[in-house]
Every structure is written in C-alpha cells, then in structure tokens.
Amino acid sequence: MEARLVHVACIMDGNGRWARKRGLPRTAGHTAGEESLSDVVRAASKREISHLTVFGFSTENWVRPRAEVRHILGLHKKLFGRIKELNENNVRINWIGRPFDEPGSRTPVYVQRAIRKAIEDTSANTGMVLTVAFDYGSRAEITRAAKNLVRDKKIITTENLSRNLYDSTLPPVDVLVRTSGESRISNFLLWQISAAKIYFTDRPWPDFDAVELDVALSLLS
C-alpha cells in the first residue's frame, strides 16, 4: 500500500458468536470486543490511517435484551473514558449519531457526558481520528440531512447533502471491514462508503487484530 492517509471503517460483528463458541454469556463477548477495539486503535494509530470509524451501537440495537444493552452502554462509557491511552497514542475522539437534543435520540445522559469529555480531553491530539458511531443509522443520517435542506429552503444536491451529514468533515471511506462472516452493510455509512473497498472476514470481532487489519489495507495496493 502506498503511503497515504486512509479512512478505515469497521462493522464490529460477532461478539455474541465468539462468546457462545466458548460457552460464555453474550456480555463476555462484548467485553472482549471492547478490548479488541482498543488493540485495533493502537495498531491503526501506528499506520497510515488518518480516520478509523467504528459502528459502536446502531439505532436498531435498542431492541436487544435490556441487560445486554446496559452492559454495552457501560462498555462505551469505559471506551470513552480511556483518555490516557488515547492521548498516549495521539488519537482524537469523534462521535456521530442522532444529536442528543433532537427528537428520537436515546443516548443516556451518562454516555453523553463520557462522549463530550472524551472529545474535549483529546481535542489537542493531532494523530488519527477515532469516530464512534453510537445511536447511529445511515438512513436516519441521510433523512435528517434532506429534511434540513428542505427546512432551510436549499436545493437538494450531493454537495448540500454532504454538508448536512452528522459530520461533514468525515472523509470518504477507503476500506470497510465487516467481521464474523457476515456480508452485509447493515445501514452503516451508506453515503460515505460509495467508493470503498470492502473486506469481509470470517473472524469474529474479538479475534480481529493488526495482522487482519493489514490484510484489509492490502486491498488498497
């Protein structure tokens, strides 16, 4: 792969299957997945990757069992709390999802606080941008962008829609990764992946590592 800045996006699938294979509860799989994400962030920050965007929690995930949702929310609070580690790797935190102050948003207040604090405490970092998509759905993002244009009486064009996405500064995705043998996009960054290479792997997310990341990046060679 030629040395250039790259945007990698990951659909982190397979935590539950990883746990089931080991006779563990699904929550143990999510915990292992959070640790794997930390490992991948460290590996990505050492490569020519300018942006890493991960699908943390979708707008559809709220229908999961309440105990599982609570566990996942706690893990996200922990993820956004890894300030020391993020700063050591010069990683800047970003977030996309349904805005907290808009109808339909379901992000709990304690997770909102963790997100805001992580963004503020890593804002001076100049390395890789880690964007966590939480309470995120691409259809909701695009629909909101179109509604904003109609409200503001602006012409609906590609450029105007792009400017009204959750984060208009997020560059196009170069490589989309999906783990655990699934070959679906699952309503993730539909606008941003229009020209992306897609890497599907049978490995569940807790087993995804730097070696597998390099295989995905090799698609750009």
Protein backbone atom coordinates (compact mmCIF):
# COMPACT_ATOMS: atom_id res chain seq x y z
CA MET A 1 0.00 0.00 0.00
CA GLU A 2 1.41 3.36 -0.94
CA ALA A 3 1.94 5.74 1.97
CA ARG A 4 -1.14 7.93 2.11
CA LEU A 5 -3.79 8.83 4.61
CA VAL A 6 -6.61 6.31 4.73
CA HIS A 7 -10.08 6.12 6.25
CA VAL A 8 -10.98 2.67 7.60
CA ALA A 9 -14.48 1.85 8.86
CA CYS A 10 -15.37 -1.26 10.86
CA ILE A 11 -18.62 -3.12 11.48
CA MET A 12 -17.59 -4.94 14.64
CA ASP A 13 -19.71 -8.08 14.40
CA GLY A 14 -19.54 -11.45 16.11
CA ASN A 15 -19.13 -10.71 19.81
CA GLY A 16 -22.08 -12.91 20.72
CA ARG A 17 -20.95 -15.77 18.49
CA TRP A 18 -17.43 -15.54 19.91
CA ALA A 19 -18.86 -15.92 23.42
CA ARG A 20 -21.28 -18.72 22.52
CA LYS A 21 -18.46 -20.76 20.97
CA ARG A 22 -16.67 -20.58 24.34
CA GLY A 23 -19.73 -21.28 26.45
CA LEU A 24 -19.76 -17.72 27.79
CA PRO A 25 -22.59 -15.18 28.10
CA ARG A 26 -23.01 -12.63 25.31
CA THR A 27 -21.87 -9.89 27.67
CA ALA A 28 -18.45 -11.56 27.88
CA GLY A 29 -18.22 -11.32 24.09
CA HIS A 30 -18.97 -7.61 24.17
CA THR A 31 -16.30 -7.11 26.84
CA ALA A 32 -13.77 -8.98 24.69
CA GLY A 33 -14.83 -6.89 21.71
CA GLU A 34 -14.17 -3.66 23.59
CA GLU A 35 -10.66 -4.86 24.42
CA SER A 36 -10.12 -5.84 20.79
CA LEU A 37 -11.17 -2.35 19.70
CA SER A 38 -8.52 -0.84 21.97
CA ASP A 39 -5.91 -3.11 20.38
CA VAL A 40 -7.05 -2.17 16.87
CA VAL A 41 -6.99 1.55 17.72
CA ARG A 42 -3.39 1.23 18.91
CA ALA A 43 -2.42 -0.68 15.76
CA ALA A 44 -4.26 1.71 13.43
CA SER A 45 -2.66 4.77 15.03
CA LYS A 46 0.76 3.40 14.04
CA ARG A 47 -0.20 3.00 10.38
CA GLU A 48 -1.03 5.44 7.58
CA ILE A 49 -4.61 5.68 8.80
CA SER A 50 -5.99 9.17 9.35
CA HIS A 51 -9.51 8.10 10.32
CA LEU A 52 -10.91 4.98 11.97
CA THR A 53 -14.70 4.87 12.25
CA VAL A 54 -16.39 2.06 14.17
CA PHE A 55 -20.03 1.03 14.45
CA GLY A 56 -20.48 1.08 18.20
CA PHE A 57 -24.27 0.97 18.60
CA SER A 58 -26.95 1.30 15.96
CA THR A 59 -30.40 2.83 16.13
CA GLU A 60 -31.72 -0.75 15.78
CA ASN A 61 -29.71 -2.15 18.70
CA TRP A 62 -32.04 -0.70 21.34
CA VAL A 63 -34.38 -3.69 20.86
CA ARG A 64 -31.78 -6.09 22.30
CA PRO A 65 -32.38 -7.53 25.80
CA ARG A 66 -32.23 -4.80 28.44
CA ALA A 67 -29.37 -6.38 30.40
CA GLU A 68 -27.28 -6.70 27.24
CA VAL A 69 -27.94 -3.07 26.29
CA ARG A 70 -26.93 -1.91 29.77
CA HIS A 71 -23.70 -3.87 29.51
CA ILE A 72 -22.90 -2.40 26.09
CA LEU A 73 -23.63 1.13 27.35
CA GLY A 74 -21.25 0.57 30.24
CA LEU A 75 -18.55 -0.60 27.85
CA HIS A 76 -18.98 2.53 25.74
CA LYS A 77 -18.63 4.68 28.83
CA LYS A 78 -15.40 2.79 29.55
CA LEU A 79 -14.23 3.22 25.94
CA PHE A 80 -14.77 6.98 26.03
CA GLY A 81 -13.01 7.01 29.40
CA ARG A 82 -9.70 5.68 28.04
CA ILE A 83 -8.37 9.22 27.83
CA LYS A 84 -4.82 8.47 29.00
CA GLU A 85 -4.43 5.68 26.45
CA LEU A 86 -5.92 7.77 23.64
CA ASN A 87 -3.63 10.69 24.44
CA GLU A 88 -0.59 8.42 24.58
CA ASN A 89 -1.42 7.31 21.03
CA ASN A 90 -2.22 10.89 19.89
CA VAL A 91 -5.76 9.79 18.95
CA ARG A 92 -8.59 12.30 18.77
CA ILE A 93 -12.11 11.12 19.63
CA ASN A 94 -15.10 11.98 17.47
CA TRP A 95 -18.72 10.83 17.55
CA ILE A 96 -21.60 10.55 15.08
CA GLY A 97 -25.19 9.63 15.81
CA ARG A 98 -28.58 11.12 16.49
CA PRO A 99 -27.92 14.54 18.09
CA PHE A 100 -28.59 14.48 21.82
CA ASP A 101 -31.02 17.40 21.70
CA GLU A 102 -33.13 16.14 18.80
CA PRO A 103 -36.31 14.02 18.95
CA GLY A 104 -35.58 10.30 18.76
CA SER A 105 -32.18 10.45 20.45
CA ARG A 106 -31.80 7.67 23.02
CA THR A 107 -28.21 8.10 24.23
CA PRO A 108 -28.29 8.08 28.06
CA VAL A 109 -27.05 11.20 29.81
CA TYR A 110 -24.08 9.42 31.41
CA VAL A 111 -22.90 8.22 28.00
CA GLN A 112 -23.41 11.73 26.60
CA ARG A 113 -21.15 13.09 29.33
CA ALA A 114 -18.49 10.49 28.59
CA ILE A 115 -18.61 11.32 24.87
CA ARG A 116 -18.34 15.07 25.45
CA LYS A 117 -15.47 14.63 27.92
CA ALA A 118 -13.54 12.32 25.58
CA ILE A 119 -13.93 14.77 22.69
CA GLU A 120 -12.77 17.67 24.86
CA ASP A 121 -9.88 15.82 26.53
CA THR A 122 -8.44 14.55 23.22
CA SER A 123 -9.14 17.66 21.13
CA ALA A 124 -5.48 18.73 21.06
CA ASN A 125 -4.27 15.43 19.60
CA THR A 126 -3.06 15.57 16.02
CA GLY A 127 -2.95 11.90 15.06
CA MET A 128 -5.67 9.51 13.97
CA VAL A 129 -9.32 10.47 14.43
CA LEU A 130 -11.37 7.71 16.05
CA THR A 131 -15.04 8.22 15.29
CA VAL A 132 -17.51 6.12 17.24
CA ALA A 133 -20.93 5.78 15.64
CA PHE A 134 -23.32 5.50 18.59
CA ASP A 135 -27.12 5.57 18.32
CA TYR A 136 -26.32 5.76 14.62
CA GLY A 137 -28.18 4.73 11.49
CA SER A 138 -27.24 5.85 8.00
CA ARG A 139 -30.83 6.16 6.80
CA ALA A 140 -31.61 8.44 9.73
CA GLU A 141 -28.49 10.48 8.95
CA ILE A 142 -29.38 10.97 5.27
CA THR A 143 -33.06 11.63 6.01
CA ARG A 144 -32.10 14.29 8.57
CA ALA A 145 -29.75 15.93 6.04
CA ALA A 146 -32.53 16.10 3.45
CA LYS A 147 -35.03 17.49 5.98
CA ASN A 148 -32.54 20.20 6.98
CA LEU A 149 -32.19 21.27 3.36
CA VAL A 150 -35.97 21.41 2.90
CA ARG A 151 -36.33 23.39 6.15
CA ASP A 152 -33.65 25.84 5.05
CA LYS A 153 -35.14 26.04 1.53
CA LYS A 154 -31.93 24.86 -0.11
CA ILE A 155 -31.58 22.81 -3.25
CA ILE A 156 -31.00 19.11 -2.63
CA THR A 157 -27.65 18.37 -4.26
CA THR A 158 -24.86 15.93 -3.49
CA GLU A 159 -22.74 18.74 -2.08
CA ASN A 160 -25.52 20.14 0.10
CA LEU A 161 -26.45 16.73 1.45
CA SER A 162 -22.80 16.05 2.30
CA ARG A 163 -22.60 19.32 4.23
CA ASN A 164 -25.62 18.33 6.34
CA LEU A 165 -24.49 14.87 7.44
CA TYR A 166 -23.74 14.31 11.13
CA ASP A 167 -20.08 15.16 10.48
CA SER A 168 -19.46 16.89 7.17
CA THR A 169 -15.68 16.75 7.74
CA LEU A 170 -15.58 12.95 7.78
CA PRO A 171 -13.74 11.91 4.58
CA PRO A 172 -14.97 9.15 2.24
CA VAL A 173 -14.25 5.65 3.50
CA ASP A 174 -11.41 3.82 1.71
CA VAL A 175 -11.84 0.38 3.30
CA LEU A 176 -14.90 -1.04 5.04
CA VAL A 177 -14.31 -4.05 7.28
CA ARG A 178 -17.04 -6.47 8.39
CA THR A 179 -16.17 -9.32 10.71
CA SER A 180 -17.75 -12.67 11.65
CA GLY A 181 -18.62 -13.95 8.20
CA GLU A 182 -21.47 -11.56 7.51
CA SER A 183 -21.53 -9.91 4.08
CA ARG A 184 -23.96 -7.07 4.80
CA ILE A 185 -23.54 -3.31 5.25
CA SER A 186 -26.24 -3.02 7.95
CA ASN A 187 -27.16 0.64 7.47
CA PHE A 188 -23.63 1.88 8.20
CA LEU A 189 -22.12 4.93 6.46
CA LEU A 190 -24.10 4.31 3.26
CA TRP A 191 -23.21 7.76 1.94
CA GLN A 192 -19.52 7.65 2.89
CA ILE A 193 -18.70 4.16 1.51
CA SER A 194 -19.80 4.78 -2.07
CA ALA A 195 -16.30 4.08 -3.47
CA ALA A 196 -14.87 1.95 -0.65
CA LYS A 197 -13.17 -1.41 -0.90
CA ILE A 198 -14.96 -3.94 1.30
CA TYR A 199 -13.17 -6.57 3.35
CA PHE A 200 -15.26 -9.42 4.76
CA THR A 201 -13.62 -11.80 7.21
CA ASP A 202 -14.90 -14.90 9.00
CA ARG A 203 -13.12 -13.87 12.19
CA PRO A 204 -15.40 -12.51 14.91
CA TRP A 205 -14.51 -9.03 16.13
CA PRO A 206 -12.78 -10.15 19.38
CA ASP A 207 -10.27 -12.06 17.21
CA PHE A 208 -9.66 -9.22 14.74
CA ASP A 209 -6.07 -7.99 15.10
CA ALA A 210 -3.28 -5.97 13.50
CA VAL A 211 -2.44 -8.78 11.06
CA GLU A 212 -6.01 -8.87 9.80
CA LEU A 213 -6.05 -5.07 9.62
CA ASP A 214 -3.04 -5.19 7.32
CA VAL A 215 -4.81 -7.73 5.09
CA ALA A 216 -7.73 -5.31 4.79
CA LEU A 217 -5.39 -2.43 3.99
CA SER A 218 -3.74 -4.53 1.28
CA LEU A 219 -6.92 -4.06 -0.78
CA LEU A 220 -5.62 -0.56 -1.49
CA SER A 221 -2.35 -1.80 -3.01
